[in-house]
Amino acid sequence: MSCETFSLDAPWQLHPRVAVRPERFGALLYHFDTRRLSFLKSPQLLEVVRELANHPTARGACLGVGVGPEALPSVSAALATLARSSMICLRTEE
């Protein structure tokens, strides 16, 4: 699974080896291979992460859950961090 440079216009998904635990503040993500733990600091970011696989691009997932233009830069930065830590990965055609 590739975790290359993040682009909002690429197809992303939650890494298959990542578990999501919803919390009041957002969620905890745990990667079983790397043993890393990540915090999603908002419920809206959790919605975006859950919707990544259902949209052709990360931008589509953001728009689909109602991320507005003012919040898009911060959500994009959070997704880029998740990509660098392998919590999300590029989808490949199988």
Protein backbone atom coordinates (compact mmCIF):
# COMPACT_ATOMS: atom_id res chain seq x y z
CA MET A 1 0.00 0.00 0.00
CA SER A 2 1.46 3.26 -1.08
CA CYS A 3 1.64 6.28 1.22
CA GLU A 4 3.19 8.77 -1.16
CA THR A 5 2.93 12.54 -1.13
CA PHE A 6 -0.61 13.52 -0.24
CA SER A 7 -2.88 15.06 -2.85
CA LEU A 8 -6.54 15.96 -2.31
CA ASP A 9 -7.17 14.91 -5.91
CA ALA A 10 -5.94 11.32 -5.50
CA PRO A 11 -7.93 8.26 -4.38
CA TRP A 12 -7.20 7.48 -0.71
CA GLN A 13 -8.49 4.99 1.84
CA LEU A 14 -7.97 4.04 5.45
CA HIS A 15 -5.07 1.59 5.58
CA PRO A 16 -6.48 -1.94 5.95
CA ARG A 17 -4.33 -2.54 9.05
CA VAL A 18 -5.70 0.50 10.90
CA ALA A 19 -8.43 0.27 13.52
CA VAL A 20 -10.68 3.24 14.28
CA ARG A 21 -12.06 3.93 17.75
CA PRO A 22 -14.55 6.83 17.76
CA GLU A 23 -14.28 9.22 20.71
CA ARG A 24 -16.13 12.41 21.71
CA PHE A 25 -13.28 14.55 20.41
CA GLY A 26 -12.97 12.64 17.10
CA ALA A 27 -11.22 9.27 17.11
CA LEU A 28 -8.15 7.21 17.85
CA LEU A 29 -6.46 5.36 15.00
CA TYR A 30 -4.19 2.40 15.70
CA HIS A 31 -1.93 0.88 13.05
CA PHE A 32 -1.35 -2.81 13.81
CA ASP A 33 1.85 -3.03 11.75
CA THR A 34 3.65 0.09 12.98
CA ARG A 35 1.98 0.19 16.42
CA ARG A 36 1.41 3.90 15.95
CA LEU A 37 -1.50 5.71 17.50
CA SER A 38 -2.98 8.83 15.92
CA PHE A 39 -5.63 11.19 17.21
CA LEU A 40 -8.29 12.70 14.98
CA LYS A 41 -9.15 15.95 16.69
CA SER A 42 -12.59 16.46 15.21
CA PRO A 43 -15.67 14.38 14.41
CA GLN A 44 -15.69 15.92 10.91
CA LEU A 45 -12.17 14.63 10.21
CA LEU A 46 -13.34 11.18 11.31
CA GLU A 47 -16.20 11.44 8.81
CA VAL A 48 -13.74 12.34 6.05
CA VAL A 49 -11.46 9.40 6.88
CA ARG A 50 -14.41 7.00 6.92
CA GLU A 51 -15.63 8.32 3.54
CA LEU A 52 -12.30 8.27 1.69
CA ALA A 53 -12.91 4.86 0.09
CA ASN A 54 -16.41 5.90 -1.05
CA HIS A 55 -15.26 8.83 -3.20
CA PRO A 56 -12.99 9.06 -6.23
CA THR A 57 -10.72 11.57 -4.44
CA ALA A 58 -9.99 12.88 -0.95
CA ARG A 59 -11.43 16.23 -2.09
CA GLY A 60 -14.66 14.42 -2.96
CA ALA A 61 -14.78 12.84 0.49
CA CYS A 62 -14.26 16.27 2.08
CA LEU A 63 -17.02 17.83 0.00
CA GLY A 64 -19.25 14.83 0.65
CA VAL A 65 -19.19 15.36 4.41
CA GLY A 66 -19.56 19.12 4.17
CA VAL A 67 -16.02 20.40 4.69
CA GLY A 68 -16.23 24.05 3.66
CA PRO A 69 -13.59 26.07 1.81
CA GLU A 70 -12.39 27.67 5.06
CA ALA A 71 -11.75 24.27 6.70
CA LEU A 72 -10.32 22.50 3.65
CA PRO A 73 -6.67 23.58 4.22
CA SER A 74 -6.62 22.26 7.80
CA VAL A 75 -8.37 19.02 6.85
CA SER A 76 -5.93 18.58 3.96
CA ALA A 77 -2.98 19.10 6.32
CA ALA A 78 -4.40 16.53 8.75
CA LEU A 79 -4.89 14.01 5.93
CA ALA A 80 -1.31 14.63 4.74
CA THR A 81 -0.08 13.82 8.25
CA LEU A 82 -2.15 10.63 8.24
CA ALA A 83 -0.65 9.68 4.87
CA ARG A 84 2.92 10.26 6.12
CA SER A 85 2.23 7.99 9.11
CA SER A 86 0.61 5.31 6.88
CA MET A 87 -2.80 5.63 8.54
CA ILE A 88 -4.28 6.29 5.10
CA CYS A 89 -2.94 5.02 1.81
CA LEU A 90 -3.53 5.44 -1.89
CA ARG A 91 -6.14 3.13 -3.36
CA THR A 92 -4.96 1.02 -6.23
CA GLU A 93 -7.10 -0.61 -8.88
CA GLU A 94 -7.18 -4.33 -8.25
